[in-house]
Amino acid sequence: MTASELHALYLKGTLNQAEIIRDSIMPGWLIEFRDVSGRIFELTDTLGCPVSFNCVADARERVHQVADCAIQEDHLYRFYDR
């Protein structure tokens, strides 16, 4: 889902958590949002391709632009960002 679609879900009270995870295909970080029932919504561009960020800080900034919710980071791969 695009940032604007995810923001609309947040305004409806649907989204309650975001997770920043390491992209397993390309260097970068992806964002997944979760709703209250545990469904996952990945941040994508308008073509449906996942949006990848260069660093965790950039991904965190985008999460805050979309929703004011709890953020979890994928600490297993945290050393990649150093």
PDB file of N, CA and C in Angstrom:
ATOM      1  N   MET A   1       0.841  -1.180   0.000  1.00  0.00           N
ATOM      2  CA  MET A   1       0.000   0.000   0.000  1.00  0.00           C
ATOM      3  C   MET A   1       0.884   1.240   0.000  1.00  0.00           C
ATOM      4  N   THR A   2       0.411   2.265  -0.653  1.00  0.00           N
ATOM      5  CA  THR A   2       1.159   3.518  -0.683  1.00  0.00           C
ATOM      6  C   THR A   2       1.068   4.220   0.666  1.00  0.00           C
ATOM      7  N   ALA A   3       1.947   5.216   0.857  1.00  0.00           N
ATOM      8  CA  ALA A   3       1.957   5.968   2.111  1.00  0.00           C
ATOM      9  C   ALA A   3       0.613   6.639   2.368  1.00  0.00           C
ATOM     10  N   SER A   4      -0.004   7.179   1.322  1.00  0.00           N
ATOM     11  CA  SER A   4      -1.295   7.850   1.523  1.00  0.00           C
ATOM     12  C   SER A   4      -2.398   6.854   1.892  1.00  0.00           C
ATOM     13  N   GLU A   5      -2.373   5.666   1.302  1.00  0.00           N
ATOM     14  CA  GLU A   5      -3.363   4.636   1.652  1.00  0.00           C
ATOM     15  C   GLU A   5      -3.162   4.168   3.092  1.00  0.00           C
ATOM     16  N   LEU A   6      -1.904   3.996   3.484  1.00  0.00           N
ATOM     17  CA  LEU A   6      -1.615   3.590   4.859  1.00  0.00           C
ATOM     18  C   LEU A   6      -2.005   4.680   5.848  1.00  0.00           C
ATOM     19  N   HIS A   7      -1.775   5.926   5.485  1.00  0.00           N
ATOM     20  CA  HIS A   7      -2.152   7.036   6.357  1.00  0.00           C
ATOM     21  C   HIS A   7      -3.670   7.076   6.548  1.00  0.00           C
ATOM     22  N   ALA A   8      -4.415   6.790   5.492  1.00  0.00           N
ATOM     23  CA  ALA A   8      -5.876   6.741   5.603  1.00  0.00           C
ATOM     24  C   ALA A   8      -6.308   5.637   6.569  1.00  0.00           C
ATOM     25  N   LEU A   9      -5.640   4.481   6.511  1.00  0.00           N
ATOM     26  CA  LEU A   9      -5.946   3.404   7.462  1.00  0.00           C
ATOM     27  C   LEU A   9      -5.623   3.839   8.887  1.00  0.00           C
ATOM     28  N   TYR A  10      -4.512   4.540   9.055  1.00  0.00           N
ATOM     29  CA  TYR A  10      -4.140   5.024  10.381  1.00  0.00           C
ATOM     30  C   TYR A  10      -5.200   5.982  10.924  1.00  0.00           C
ATOM     31  N   LEU A  11      -5.679   6.891  10.083  1.00  0.00           N
ATOM     32  CA  LEU A  11      -6.694   7.849  10.525  1.00  0.00           C
ATOM     33  C   LEU A  11      -7.998   7.166  10.923  1.00  0.00           C
ATOM     34  N   LYS A  12      -8.266   5.996  10.333  1.00  0.00           N
ATOM     35  CA  LYS A  12      -9.454   5.217  10.708  1.00  0.00           C
ATOM     36  C   LYS A  12      -9.236   4.434  11.997  1.00  0.00           C
ATOM     37  N   GLY A  13      -7.986   4.431  12.505  1.00  0.00           N
ATOM     38  CA  GLY A  13      -7.686   3.710  13.741  1.00  0.00           C
ATOM     39  C   GLY A  13      -7.322   2.263  13.510  1.00  0.00           C
ATOM     40  N   THR A  14      -7.008   1.909  12.282  1.00  0.00           N
ATOM     41  CA  THR A  14      -6.719   0.519  11.954  1.00  0.00           C
ATOM     42  C   THR A  14      -5.286   0.117  12.298  1.00  0.00           C
ATOM     43  N   LEU A  15      -4.310   0.947  11.953  1.00  0.00           N
ATOM     44  CA  LEU A  15      -2.905   0.594  12.154  1.00  0.00           C
ATOM     45  C   LEU A  15      -2.465   0.899  13.576  1.00  0.00           C
ATOM     46  N   ASN A  16      -1.692  -0.021  14.157  1.00  0.00           N
ATOM     47  CA  ASN A  16      -1.220   0.223  15.511  1.00  0.00           C
ATOM     48  C   ASN A  16       0.269  -0.058  15.702  1.00  0.00           C
ATOM     49  N   GLN A  17       0.965  -0.539  14.663  1.00  0.00           N
ATOM     50  CA  GLN A  17       2.373  -0.879  14.819  1.00  0.00           C
ATOM     51  C   GLN A  17       3.070  -0.871  13.471  1.00  0.00           C
ATOM     52  N   ALA A  18       4.364  -0.532  13.473  1.00  0.00           N
ATOM     53  CA  ALA A  18       5.187  -0.606  12.276  1.00  0.00           C
ATOM     54  C   ALA A  18       6.442  -1.405  12.598  1.00  0.00           C
ATOM     55  N   GLU A  19       6.945  -2.115  11.604  1.00  0.00           N
ATOM     56  CA  GLU A  19       8.190  -2.861  11.780  1.00  0.00           C
ATOM     57  C   GLU A  19       9.124  -2.514  10.628  1.00  0.00           C
ATOM     58  N   ILE A  20      10.355  -2.183  10.979  1.00  0.00           N
ATOM     59  CA  ILE A  20      11.384  -1.898   9.995  1.00  0.00           C
ATOM     60  C   ILE A  20      12.236  -3.152   9.879  1.00  0.00           C
ATOM     61  N   ILE A  21      12.250  -3.723   8.678  1.00  0.00           N
ATOM     62  CA  ILE A  21      12.956  -4.992   8.488  1.00  0.00           C
ATOM     63  C   ILE A  21      13.993  -4.861   7.379  1.00  0.00           C
ATOM     64  N   ARG A  22      15.005  -5.685   7.466  1.00  0.00           N
ATOM     65  CA  ARG A  22      16.061  -5.709   6.464  1.00  0.00           C
ATOM     66  C   ARG A  22      15.517  -6.313   5.178  1.00  0.00           C
ATOM     67  N   ASP A  23      15.791  -5.665   4.054  1.00  0.00           N
ATOM     68  CA  ASP A  23      15.400  -6.190   2.744  1.00  0.00           C
ATOM     69  C   ASP A  23      16.311  -7.366   2.424  1.00  0.00           C
ATOM     70  N   SER A  24      15.738  -8.519   2.200  1.00  0.00           N
ATOM     71  CA  SER A  24      16.539  -9.727   1.963  1.00  0.00           C
ATOM     72  C   SER A  24      17.018  -9.841   0.522  1.00  0.00           C
ATOM     73  N   ILE A  25      16.495  -9.029  -0.378  1.00  0.00           N
ATOM     74  CA  ILE A  25      16.875  -9.108  -1.787  1.00  0.00           C
ATOM     75  C   ILE A  25      17.893  -8.032  -2.158  1.00  0.00           C
ATOM     76  N   MET A  26      17.672  -6.824  -1.690  1.00  0.00           N
ATOM     77  CA  MET A  26      18.549  -5.701  -2.030  1.00  0.00           C
ATOM     78  C   MET A  26      19.004  -5.023  -0.745  1.00  0.00           C
ATOM     79  N   PRO A  27      20.127  -4.296  -0.795  1.00  0.00           N
ATOM     80  CA  PRO A  27      20.537  -3.544   0.400  1.00  0.00           C
ATOM     81  C   PRO A  27      19.502  -2.481   0.734  1.00  0.00           C
ATOM     82  N   GLY A  28      19.054  -2.454   1.951  1.00  0.00           N
ATOM     83  CA  GLY A  28      18.081  -1.459   2.370  1.00  0.00           C
ATOM     84  C   GLY A  28      17.141  -1.985   3.433  1.00  0.00           C
ATOM     85  N   TRP A  29      16.192  -1.147   3.782  1.00  0.00           N
ATOM     86  CA  TRP A  29      15.224  -1.449   4.836  1.00  0.00           C
ATOM     87  C   TRP A  29      13.809  -1.250   4.317  1.00  0.00           C
ATOM     88  N   LEU A  30      12.910  -2.139   4.693  1.00  0.00           N
ATOM     89  CA  LEU A  30      11.502  -2.093   4.308  1.00  0.00           C
ATOM     90  C   LEU A  30      10.651  -1.779   5.533  1.00  0.00           C
ATOM     91  N   ILE A  31       9.440  -1.308   5.282  1.00  0.00           N
ATOM     92  CA  ILE A  31       8.510  -1.011   6.373  1.00  0.00           C
ATOM     93  C   ILE A  31       7.246  -1.837   6.195  1.00  0.00           C
ATOM     94  N   GLU A  32       6.849  -2.495   7.264  1.00  0.00           N
ATOM     95  CA  GLU A  32       5.575  -3.212   7.309  1.00  0.00           C
ATOM     96  C   GLU A  32       4.748  -2.637   8.448  1.00  0.00           C
ATOM     97  N   PHE A  33       3.487  -2.358   8.179  1.00  0.00           N
ATOM     98  CA  PHE A  33       2.563  -1.900   9.211  1.00  0.00           C
ATOM     99  C   PHE A  33       1.643  -3.058   9.569  1.00  0.00           C
ATOM    100  N   ARG A  34       1.196  -3.072  10.812  1.00  0.00           N
ATOM    101  CA  ARG A  34       0.264  -4.100  11.268  1.00  0.00           C
ATOM    102  C   ARG A  34      -0.980  -3.434  11.836  1.00  0.00           C
ATOM    103  N   ASP A  35      -2.111  -4.119  11.619  1.00  0.00           N
ATOM    104  CA  ASP A  35      -3.352  -3.603  12.200  1.00  0.00           C
ATOM    105  C   ASP A  35      -3.641  -4.344  13.497  1.00  0.00           C
ATOM    106  N   VAL A  36      -4.750  -4.029  14.113  1.00  0.00           N
ATOM    107  CA  VAL A  36      -5.088  -4.599  15.419  1.00  0.00           C
ATOM    108  C   VAL A  36      -5.311  -6.105  15.367  1.00  0.00           C
ATOM    109  N   SER A  37      -5.647  -6.642  14.206  1.00  0.00           N
ATOM    110  CA  SER A  37      -5.856  -8.093  14.101  1.00  0.00           C
ATOM    111  C   SER A  37      -4.606  -8.827  13.628  1.00  0.00           C
ATOM    112  N   GLY A  38      -3.492  -8.093  13.393  1.00  0.00           N
ATOM    113  CA  GLY A  38      -2.241  -8.729  13.013  1.00  0.00           C
ATOM    114  C   GLY A  38      -1.972  -8.791  11.521  1.00  0.00           C
ATOM    115  N   ARG A  39      -2.878  -8.280  10.711  1.00  0.00           N
ATOM    116  CA  ARG A  39      -2.637  -8.265   9.262  1.00  0.00           C
ATOM    117  C   ARG A  39      -1.474  -7.336   8.942  1.00  0.00           C
ATOM    118  N   ILE A  40      -0.707  -7.695   7.921  1.00  0.00           N
ATOM    119  CA  ILE A  40       0.479  -6.941   7.536  1.00  0.00           C
ATOM    120  C   ILE A  40       0.207  -6.153   6.259  1.00  0.00           C
ATOM    121  N   PHE A  41       0.621  -4.891   6.277  1.00  0.00           N
ATOM    122  CA  PHE A  41       0.506  -4.011   5.118  1.00  0.00           C
ATOM    123  C   PHE A  41       1.892  -3.449   4.822  1.00  0.00           C
ATOM    124  N   GLU A  42       2.469  -3.813   3.690  1.00  0.00           N
ATOM    125  CA  GLU A  42       3.806  -3.356   3.332  1.00  0.00           C
ATOM    126  C   GLU A  42       3.725  -2.011   2.620  1.00  0.00           C
ATOM    127  N   LEU A  43       4.655  -1.124   2.933  1.00  0.00           N
ATOM    128  CA  LEU A  43       4.734   0.164   2.253  1.00  0.00           C
ATOM    129  C   LEU A  43       5.275  -0.064   0.843  1.00  0.00           C
ATOM    130  N   THR A  44       4.499   0.346  -0.155  1.00  0.00           N
ATOM    131  CA  THR A  44       4.889   0.163  -1.550  1.00  0.00           C
ATOM    132  C   THR A  44       4.759   1.484  -2.304  1.00  0.00           C
ATOM    133  N   ASP A  45       5.301   1.484  -3.521  1.00  0.00           N
ATOM    134  CA  ASP A  45       5.094   2.641  -4.386  1.00  0.00           C
ATOM    135  C   ASP A  45       3.769   2.458  -5.125  1.00  0.00           C
ATOM    136  N   THR A  46       3.478   3.347  -6.052  1.00  0.00           N
ATOM    137  CA  THR A  46       2.193   3.284  -6.748  1.00  0.00           C
ATOM    138  C   THR A  46       2.066   2.073  -7.671  1.00  0.00           C
ATOM    139  N   LEU A  47       3.181   1.434  -7.995  1.00  0.00           N
ATOM    140  CA  LEU A  47       3.152   0.221  -8.833  1.00  0.00           C
ATOM    141  C   LEU A  47       3.059  -1.055  -8.006  1.00  0.00           C
ATOM    142  N   GLY A  48       3.094  -0.910  -6.686  1.00  0.00           N
ATOM    143  CA  GLY A  48       3.008  -2.075  -5.814  1.00  0.00           C
ATOM    144  C   GLY A  48       4.348  -2.679  -5.446  1.00  0.00           C
ATOM    145  N   CYS A  49       5.436  -2.009  -5.806  1.00  0.00           N
ATOM    146  CA  CYS A  49       6.783  -2.496  -5.458  1.00  0.00           C
ATOM    147  C   CYS A  49       7.159  -1.987  -4.071  1.00  0.00           C
ATOM    148  N   PRO A  50       7.782  -2.838  -3.242  1.00  0.00           N
ATOM    149  CA  PRO A  50       8.188  -2.396  -1.907  1.00  0.00           C
ATOM    150  C   PRO A  50       9.142  -1.206  -1.974  1.00  0.00           C
ATOM    151  N   VAL A  51       8.966  -0.267  -1.061  1.00  0.00           N
ATOM    152  CA  VAL A  51       9.840   0.904  -0.974  1.00  0.00           C
ATOM    153  C   VAL A  51      10.986   0.551  -0.031  1.00  0.00           C
ATOM    154  N   SER A  52      12.218   0.716  -0.519  1.00  0.00           N
ATOM    155  CA  SER A  52      13.408   0.397   0.260  1.00  0.00           C
ATOM    156  C   SER A  52      14.106   1.689   0.676  1.00  0.00           C
ATOM    157  N   PHE A  53      14.579   1.724   1.925  1.00  0.00           N
ATOM    158  CA  PHE A  53      15.263   2.898   2.467  1.00  0.00           C
ATOM    159  C   PHE A  53      16.720   2.563   2.724  1.00  0.00           C
ATOM    160  N   ASN A  54      17.592   3.559   2.567  1.00  0.00           N
ATOM    161  CA  ASN A  54      19.026   3.339   2.739  1.00  0.00           C
ATOM    162  C   ASN A  54      19.422   3.051   4.174  1.00  0.00           C
ATOM    163  N   CYS A  55      18.731   3.653   5.113  1.00  0.00           N
ATOM    164  CA  CYS A  55      19.095   3.464   6.519  1.00  0.00           C
ATOM    165  C   CYS A  55      17.824   3.441   7.379  1.00  0.00           C
ATOM    166  N   VAL A  56      17.998   2.973   8.591  1.00  0.00           N
ATOM    167  CA  VAL A  56      16.878   2.859   9.523  1.00  0.00           C
ATOM    168  C   VAL A  56      16.303   4.238   9.848  1.00  0.00           C
ATOM    169  N   ALA A  57      17.160   5.244   9.935  1.00  0.00           N
ATOM    170  CA  ALA A  57      16.688   6.593  10.257  1.00  0.00           C
ATOM    171  C   ALA A  57      15.708   7.107   9.195  1.00  0.00           C
ATOM    172  N   ASP A  58      16.021   6.858   7.923  1.00  0.00           N
ATOM    173  CA  ASP A  58      15.104   7.276   6.852  1.00  0.00           C
ATOM    174  C   ASP A  58      13.779   6.527   6.945  1.00  0.00           C
ATOM    175  N   ALA A  59      13.848   5.240   7.251  1.00  0.00           N
ATOM    176  CA  ALA A  59      12.629   4.436   7.382  1.00  0.00           C
ATOM    177  C   ALA A  59      11.788   4.921   8.567  1.00  0.00           C
ATOM    178  N   ARG A  60      12.442   5.225   9.684  1.00  0.00           N
ATOM    179  CA  ARG A  60      11.726   5.739  10.861  1.00  0.00           C
ATOM    180  C   ARG A  60      11.007   7.055  10.531  1.00  0.00           C
ATOM    181  N   GLU A  61      11.699   7.918   9.803  1.00  0.00           N
ATOM    182  CA  GLU A  61      11.100   9.201   9.423  1.00  0.00           C
ATOM    183  C   GLU A  61       9.836   8.984   8.591  1.00  0.00           C
ATOM    184  N   ARG A  62       9.882   8.028   7.667  1.00  0.00           N
ATOM    185  CA  ARG A  62       8.700   7.754   6.842  1.00  0.00           C
ATOM    186  C   ARG A  62       7.566   7.176   7.683  1.00  0.00           C
ATOM    187  N   VAL A  63       7.895   6.306   8.636  1.00  0.00           N
ATOM    188  CA  VAL A  63       6.853   5.768   9.517  1.00  0.00           C
ATOM    189  C   VAL A  63       6.141   6.908  10.225  1.00  0.00           C
ATOM    190  N   HIS A  64       6.899   7.873  10.743  1.00  0.00           N
ATOM    191  CA  HIS A  64       6.290   9.003  11.452  1.00  0.00           C
ATOM    192  C   HIS A  64       5.450   9.876  10.527  1.00  0.00           C
ATOM    193  N   GLN A  65       5.779   9.902   9.251  1.00  0.00           N
ATOM    194  CA  GLN A  65       4.970  10.657   8.295  1.00  0.00           C
ATOM    195  C   GLN A  65       3.637   9.962   8.023  1.00  0.00           C
ATOM    196  N   VAL A  66       3.645   8.640   8.097  1.00  0.00           N
ATOM    197  CA  VAL A  66       2.446   7.854   7.798  1.00  0.00           C
ATOM    198  C   VAL A  66       1.565   7.692   9.024  1.00  0.00           C
ATOM    199  N   ALA A  67       2.166   7.323  10.148  1.00  0.00           N
ATOM    200  CA  ALA A  67       1.380   7.007  11.341  1.00  0.00           C
ATOM    201  C   ALA A  67       2.198   7.256  12.599  1.00  0.00           C
ATOM    202  N   ASP A  68       1.528   7.655  13.650  1.00  0.00           N
ATOM    203  CA  ASP A  68       2.171   7.823  14.953  1.00  0.00           C
ATOM    204  C   ASP A  68       1.896   6.556  15.752  1.00  0.00           C
ATOM    205  N   CYS A  69       2.730   5.541  15.510  1.00  0.00           N
ATOM    206  CA  CYS A  69       2.496   4.252  16.148  1.00  0.00           C
ATOM    207  C   CYS A  69       3.822   3.671  16.639  1.00  0.00           C
ATOM    208  N   ALA A  70       3.728   2.600  17.386  1.00  0.00           N
ATOM    209  CA  ALA A  70       4.921   1.922  17.887  1.00  0.00           C
ATOM    210  C   ALA A  70       5.744   1.379  16.715  1.00  0.00           C
ATOM    211  N   ILE A  71       7.083   1.436  16.862  1.00  0.00           N
ATOM    212  CA  ILE A  71       7.984   0.968  15.813  1.00  0.00           C
ATOM    213  C   ILE A  71       8.900  -0.099  16.381  1.00  0.00           C
ATOM    214  N   GLN A  72       8.995  -1.206  15.674  1.00  0.00           N
ATOM    215  CA  GLN A  72       9.968  -2.251  16.007  1.00  0.00           C
ATOM    216  C   GLN A  72      10.994  -2.318  14.894  1.00  0.00           C
ATOM    217  N   GLU A  73      12.261  -2.516  15.281  1.00  0.00           N
ATOM    218  CA  GLU A  73      13.322  -2.663  14.294  1.00  0.00           C
ATOM    219  C   GLU A  73      13.810  -4.098  14.300  1.00  0.00           C
ATOM    220  N   ASP A  74      14.216  -4.557  13.133  1.00  0.00           N
ATOM    221  CA  ASP A  74      14.785  -5.886  12.982  1.00  0.00           C
ATOM    222  C   ASP A  74      16.219  -5.842  13.502  1.00  0.00           C
ATOM    223  N   HIS A  75      16.415  -6.142  14.789  1.00  0.00           N
ATOM    224  CA  HIS A  75      17.728  -6.015  15.415  1.00  0.00           C
ATOM    225  C   HIS A  75      18.706  -7.087  14.965  1.00  0.00           C
ATOM    226  N   LEU A  76      18.226  -8.171  14.380  1.00  0.00           N
ATOM    227  CA  LEU A  76      19.113  -9.233  13.929  1.00  0.00           C
ATOM    228  C   LEU A  76      20.104  -8.717  12.892  1.00  0.00           C
ATOM    229  N   TYR A  77      19.660  -7.798  12.045  1.00  0.00           N
ATOM    230  CA  TYR A  77      20.514  -7.273  10.990  1.00  0.00           C
ATOM    231  C   TYR A  77      20.950  -5.833  11.247  1.00  0.00           C
ATOM    232  N   ARG A  78      20.855  -5.382  12.448  1.00  0.00           N
ATOM    233  CA  ARG A  78      21.162  -3.980  12.789  1.00  0.00           C
ATOM    234  C   ARG A  78      22.596  -3.599  12.413  1.00  0.00           C
ATOM    235  N   PHE A  79      23.533  -4.554  12.442  1.00  0.00           N
ATOM    236  CA  PHE A  79      24.927  -4.247  12.156  1.00  0.00           C
ATOM    237  C   PHE A  79      25.133  -3.788  10.714  1.00  0.00           C
ATOM    238  N   TYR A  80      24.211  -4.049   9.804  1.00  0.00           N
ATOM    239  CA  TYR A  80      24.337  -3.593   8.420  1.00  0.00           C
ATOM    240  C   TYR A  80      24.295  -2.070   8.313  1.00  0.00           C
ATOM    241  N   ASP A  81      23.650  -1.424   9.248  1.00  0.00           N
ATOM    242  CA  ASP A  81      23.423   0.009   9.163  1.00  0.00           C
ATOM    243  C   ASP A  81      24.570   0.820   9.752  1.00  0.00           C
ATOM    244  N   ARG A  82      25.606   0.167  10.213  1.00  0.00           N
ATOM    245  CA  ARG A  82      26.737   0.883  10.845  1.00  0.00           C
ATOM    246  C   ARG A  82      27.760   1.287   9.839  1.00  0.00           C
TER     247      ARG A  82
END
